N, C-alpha and C. Protein backbone atom coordinates (compact mmCIF):
# COMPACT_ATOMS: atom_id res chain seq x y z
N MET A 1 155.36 31.60 152.81
CA MET A 1 155.96 32.68 152.06
C MET A 1 156.92 32.09 151.03
N SER A 2 157.06 32.75 149.92
CA SER A 2 157.96 32.24 148.89
C SER A 2 159.36 32.82 149.06
N VAL A 3 160.30 32.22 148.37
CA VAL A 3 161.69 32.66 148.42
C VAL A 3 161.84 33.91 147.56
N VAL A 4 162.55 34.90 148.10
CA VAL A 4 162.75 36.18 147.43
C VAL A 4 164.12 36.19 146.75
N SER A 5 164.19 36.73 145.56
CA SER A 5 165.47 36.90 144.88
C SER A 5 166.10 38.19 145.38
N ILE A 6 167.32 38.09 145.90
CA ILE A 6 168.01 39.25 146.47
C ILE A 6 169.20 39.58 145.59
N ASN A 7 169.43 40.87 145.38
CA ASN A 7 170.58 41.32 144.60
C ASN A 7 171.10 42.62 145.21
N GLY A 8 172.09 43.20 144.58
CA GLY A 8 172.67 44.44 145.09
C GLY A 8 171.67 45.57 145.20
N GLY A 9 170.67 45.57 144.33
CA GLY A 9 169.69 46.65 144.31
C GLY A 9 168.66 46.59 145.43
N ASN A 10 168.34 45.38 145.91
CA ASN A 10 167.31 45.29 146.95
C ASN A 10 167.85 44.74 148.27
N PHE A 11 169.16 44.48 148.36
CA PHE A 11 169.73 43.87 149.56
C PHE A 11 169.49 44.71 150.82
N GLU A 12 169.78 45.99 150.74
CA GLU A 12 169.65 46.83 151.94
C GLU A 12 168.22 46.81 152.47
N GLN A 13 167.24 47.02 151.57
CA GLN A 13 165.85 47.07 152.00
C GLN A 13 165.35 45.70 152.46
N THR A 14 165.68 44.66 151.71
CA THR A 14 165.16 43.32 151.99
C THR A 14 165.83 42.67 153.20
N VAL A 15 167.11 42.89 153.38
CA VAL A 15 167.86 42.19 154.43
C VAL A 15 168.20 43.11 155.60
N LEU A 16 168.92 44.18 155.32
CA LEU A 16 169.43 45.02 156.40
C LEU A 16 168.35 45.82 157.13
N LYS A 17 167.32 46.22 156.43
CA LYS A 17 166.26 47.02 157.05
C LYS A 17 165.02 46.21 157.40
N SER A 18 165.10 44.90 157.31
CA SER A 18 163.95 44.05 157.60
C SER A 18 163.63 44.04 159.09
N ASN A 19 162.35 44.07 159.40
CA ASN A 19 161.91 43.98 160.80
C ASN A 19 161.87 42.53 161.28
N SER A 20 161.93 41.59 160.35
CA SER A 20 161.91 40.17 160.71
C SER A 20 163.27 39.55 160.38
N PRO A 21 163.55 38.39 160.95
CA PRO A 21 164.79 37.70 160.58
C PRO A 21 164.79 37.35 159.08
N VAL A 22 165.98 37.32 158.50
CA VAL A 22 166.12 37.01 157.07
C VAL A 22 167.17 35.91 156.92
N LEU A 23 166.78 34.81 156.27
CA LEU A 23 167.70 33.73 155.95
C LEU A 23 168.11 33.91 154.49
N VAL A 24 169.41 34.08 154.26
CA VAL A 24 169.92 34.31 152.91
C VAL A 24 170.73 33.10 152.46
N ASP A 25 170.37 32.58 151.30
CA ASP A 25 171.05 31.44 150.68
C ASP A 25 171.94 31.96 149.56
N PHE A 26 173.26 31.85 149.74
CA PHE A 26 174.21 32.21 148.70
C PHE A 26 174.43 30.95 147.87
N TRP A 27 174.18 31.03 146.55
CA TRP A 27 174.19 29.86 145.69
C TRP A 27 174.67 30.22 144.30
N ALA A 28 174.81 29.18 143.44
CA ALA A 28 175.13 29.38 142.02
C ALA A 28 174.44 28.27 141.22
N SER A 29 174.10 28.57 139.99
CA SER A 29 173.36 27.61 139.15
C SER A 29 174.17 26.36 138.83
N TRP A 30 175.49 26.45 138.82
CA TRP A 30 176.35 25.32 138.47
C TRP A 30 176.68 24.43 139.68
N CYS A 31 176.23 24.82 140.86
CA CYS A 31 176.61 24.17 142.11
C CYS A 31 175.65 23.02 142.45
N GLY A 32 176.15 21.78 142.37
CA GLY A 32 175.34 20.61 142.68
C GLY A 32 174.79 20.62 144.10
N PRO A 33 175.63 20.86 145.12
CA PRO A 33 175.11 20.91 146.48
C PRO A 33 174.06 22.02 146.67
N CYS A 34 174.19 23.12 145.94
CA CYS A 34 173.19 24.20 146.01
C CYS A 34 171.84 23.67 145.53
N LYS A 35 171.86 22.88 144.47
CA LYS A 35 170.62 22.31 143.93
C LYS A 35 170.01 21.32 144.92
N MET A 36 170.85 20.61 145.66
CA MET A 36 170.36 19.67 146.66
C MET A 36 169.71 20.42 147.84
N LEU A 37 170.27 21.55 148.20
CA LEU A 37 169.77 22.30 149.35
C LEU A 37 168.56 23.16 149.03
N SER A 38 168.40 23.52 147.77
CA SER A 38 167.33 24.43 147.37
C SER A 38 165.93 24.01 147.81
N PRO A 39 165.53 22.75 147.65
CA PRO A 39 164.18 22.37 148.10
C PRO A 39 163.99 22.52 149.61
N VAL A 40 165.06 22.30 150.37
CA VAL A 40 164.99 22.48 151.82
C VAL A 40 164.79 23.95 152.17
N VAL A 41 165.51 24.82 151.47
CA VAL A 41 165.36 26.26 151.70
C VAL A 41 163.93 26.69 151.36
N GLU A 42 163.39 26.16 150.28
CA GLU A 42 162.02 26.49 149.90
C GLU A 42 161.02 25.99 150.93
N GLN A 43 161.26 24.81 151.50
CA GLN A 43 160.40 24.29 152.57
C GLN A 43 160.45 25.20 153.79
N LEU A 44 161.63 25.64 154.15
CA LEU A 44 161.78 26.54 155.30
C LEU A 44 160.99 27.83 155.09
N ALA A 45 161.00 28.34 153.86
CA ALA A 45 160.26 29.57 153.55
C ALA A 45 158.76 29.37 153.77
N VAL A 46 158.25 28.20 153.39
CA VAL A 46 156.81 27.92 153.54
C VAL A 46 156.46 27.66 155.00
N GLU A 47 157.30 26.91 155.68
CA GLU A 47 157.01 26.49 157.05
C GLU A 47 157.31 27.55 158.11
N HIS A 48 158.08 28.58 157.74
CA HIS A 48 158.44 29.64 158.69
C HIS A 48 158.11 31.01 158.09
N PRO A 49 156.81 31.34 158.02
CA PRO A 49 156.43 32.62 157.41
C PRO A 49 156.91 33.83 158.21
N GLU A 50 157.34 33.62 159.44
CA GLU A 50 157.84 34.73 160.25
C GLU A 50 159.25 35.15 159.84
N ILE A 51 159.86 34.36 158.96
CA ILE A 51 161.22 34.64 158.49
C ILE A 51 161.18 34.90 156.99
N THR A 52 161.87 35.94 156.56
CA THR A 52 162.02 36.18 155.12
C THR A 52 163.16 35.28 154.64
N VAL A 53 162.93 34.57 153.56
CA VAL A 53 163.96 33.69 153.00
C VAL A 53 164.30 34.21 151.60
N GLY A 54 165.58 34.43 151.37
CA GLY A 54 166.02 34.95 150.08
C GLY A 54 167.22 34.21 149.55
N LYS A 55 167.44 34.33 148.23
CA LYS A 55 168.57 33.69 147.57
C LYS A 55 169.39 34.75 146.84
N ILE A 56 170.71 34.62 146.96
CA ILE A 56 171.63 35.50 146.24
C ILE A 56 172.50 34.63 145.35
N ASN A 57 172.44 34.87 144.04
CA ASN A 57 173.29 34.16 143.09
C ASN A 57 174.67 34.81 143.15
N VAL A 58 175.67 34.05 143.59
CA VAL A 58 177.01 34.62 143.77
C VAL A 58 177.68 35.01 142.46
N ASP A 59 177.29 34.36 141.35
CA ASP A 59 177.86 34.73 140.05
C ASP A 59 177.33 36.09 139.59
N GLU A 60 176.08 36.38 139.91
CA GLU A 60 175.47 37.64 139.50
C GLU A 60 175.70 38.76 140.52
N ASN A 61 176.07 38.41 141.74
CA ASN A 61 176.26 39.39 142.82
C ASN A 61 177.56 39.12 143.58
N PRO A 62 178.71 39.13 142.88
CA PRO A 62 179.97 38.80 143.56
C PRO A 62 180.32 39.79 144.67
N GLU A 63 179.85 41.03 144.56
CA GLU A 63 180.17 42.01 145.60
C GLU A 63 179.53 41.64 146.93
N LEU A 64 178.33 41.07 146.90
CA LEU A 64 177.68 40.65 148.15
C LEU A 64 178.38 39.42 148.72
N ALA A 65 178.82 38.51 147.86
CA ALA A 65 179.56 37.34 148.33
C ALA A 65 180.87 37.77 148.99
N ARG A 66 181.57 38.72 148.40
CA ARG A 66 182.81 39.24 148.98
C ARG A 66 182.53 39.94 150.30
N ARG A 67 181.50 40.75 150.32
CA ARG A 67 181.16 41.54 151.52
C ARG A 67 180.97 40.64 152.74
N PHE A 68 180.39 39.46 152.53
CA PHE A 68 180.14 38.56 153.65
C PHE A 68 181.09 37.36 153.67
N GLN A 69 182.21 37.51 152.94
CA GLN A 69 183.30 36.53 152.94
C GLN A 69 182.82 35.11 152.67
N ILE A 70 181.97 34.98 151.66
CA ILE A 70 181.47 33.67 151.26
C ILE A 70 182.58 32.96 150.47
N MET A 71 183.13 31.91 151.05
CA MET A 71 184.23 31.17 150.43
C MET A 71 183.77 29.84 149.84
N GLY A 72 182.64 29.34 150.30
CA GLY A 72 182.09 28.09 149.81
C GLY A 72 180.59 28.18 149.74
N ILE A 73 180.00 27.48 148.77
CA ILE A 73 178.55 27.50 148.63
C ILE A 73 178.05 26.07 148.57
N PRO A 74 176.81 25.82 148.96
CA PRO A 74 175.84 26.79 149.44
C PRO A 74 176.22 27.31 150.83
N ALA A 75 175.95 28.57 151.04
CA ALA A 75 176.18 29.20 152.34
C ALA A 75 174.91 29.91 152.75
N LEU A 76 174.49 29.66 153.97
CA LEU A 76 173.30 30.32 154.51
C LEU A 76 173.73 31.26 155.61
N LEU A 77 173.21 32.47 155.58
CA LEU A 77 173.43 33.45 156.66
C LEU A 77 172.07 33.86 157.20
N LEU A 78 171.95 33.87 158.52
CA LEU A 78 170.74 34.35 159.16
C LEU A 78 171.01 35.74 159.69
N PHE A 79 170.21 36.70 159.24
CA PHE A 79 170.34 38.09 159.67
C PHE A 79 169.22 38.43 160.64
N LYS A 80 169.57 39.13 161.72
CA LYS A 80 168.58 39.69 162.64
C LYS A 80 169.00 41.11 162.91
N ASN A 81 168.06 42.02 162.79
CA ASN A 81 168.32 43.44 163.00
C ASN A 81 169.47 43.93 162.12
N GLY A 82 169.54 43.43 160.90
CA GLY A 82 170.51 43.90 159.92
C GLY A 82 171.91 43.32 160.06
N ALA A 83 172.11 42.37 160.98
CA ALA A 83 173.44 41.80 161.17
C ALA A 83 173.38 40.27 161.08
N PRO A 84 174.43 39.66 160.51
CA PRO A 84 174.45 38.20 160.47
C PRO A 84 174.69 37.64 161.87
N VAL A 85 173.84 36.68 162.28
CA VAL A 85 173.94 36.11 163.63
C VAL A 85 174.23 34.61 163.61
N ALA A 86 174.06 33.96 162.47
CA ALA A 86 174.34 32.53 162.36
C ALA A 86 174.64 32.21 160.91
N SER A 87 175.41 31.13 160.72
CA SER A 87 175.75 30.74 159.35
C SER A 87 175.88 29.23 159.23
N SER A 88 175.78 28.76 158.00
CA SER A 88 175.92 27.35 157.69
C SER A 88 176.51 27.25 156.29
N VAL A 89 177.50 26.38 156.12
CA VAL A 89 178.11 26.17 154.81
C VAL A 89 177.97 24.70 154.44
N GLY A 90 177.56 24.45 153.21
CA GLY A 90 177.39 23.08 152.73
C GLY A 90 175.96 22.60 152.93
N VAL A 91 175.71 21.39 152.48
CA VAL A 91 174.38 20.79 152.61
C VAL A 91 174.23 20.26 154.02
N LYS A 92 173.18 20.68 154.68
CA LYS A 92 172.89 20.24 156.05
C LYS A 92 171.48 19.70 156.10
N PRO A 93 171.19 18.83 157.07
CA PRO A 93 169.82 18.34 157.22
C PRO A 93 168.88 19.49 157.60
N LYS A 94 167.63 19.33 157.23
CA LYS A 94 166.63 20.35 157.52
C LYS A 94 166.58 20.66 159.01
N ALA A 95 166.67 19.65 159.84
CA ALA A 95 166.61 19.86 161.30
C ALA A 95 167.74 20.78 161.78
N ALA A 96 168.92 20.64 161.21
CA ALA A 96 170.04 21.50 161.59
C ALA A 96 169.78 22.95 161.19
N LEU A 97 169.17 23.14 160.03
CA LEU A 97 168.86 24.50 159.58
C LEU A 97 167.74 25.10 160.42
N GLU A 98 166.77 24.30 160.80
CA GLU A 98 165.70 24.80 161.66
C GLU A 98 166.25 25.21 163.02
N ALA A 99 167.22 24.46 163.54
CA ALA A 99 167.85 24.81 164.81
C ALA A 99 168.57 26.16 164.70
N MET A 100 169.15 26.42 163.54
CA MET A 100 169.84 27.69 163.31
C MET A 100 168.86 28.86 163.35
N LEU A 101 167.60 28.60 162.95
CA LEU A 101 166.62 29.67 162.90
C LEU A 101 166.13 30.09 164.29
N ARG A 102 166.35 29.27 165.29
CA ARG A 102 165.86 29.58 166.65
C ARG A 102 166.72 30.58 167.37
């Protein structure tokens, strides 16, 4: 599955009302660590089709970043049944992110 672009307009339907787990990557285009993590997030999307993987640009969607108290990026939140159940901040190895998905 490919990575979905998430914004204020589709957040509720894509994340909160999803029947499957959703991994959300909060990022920004100017963020070097975000660029380093991006290929790993894309790999997770392909290798875990049972999980929806989406990206939220914090510059374009500051209200969502505030809502989930994102203080540093890249930040990953895993949602299940509409609620965040796990999080990761900063660049982490793929294995650590896969462990978070379990």
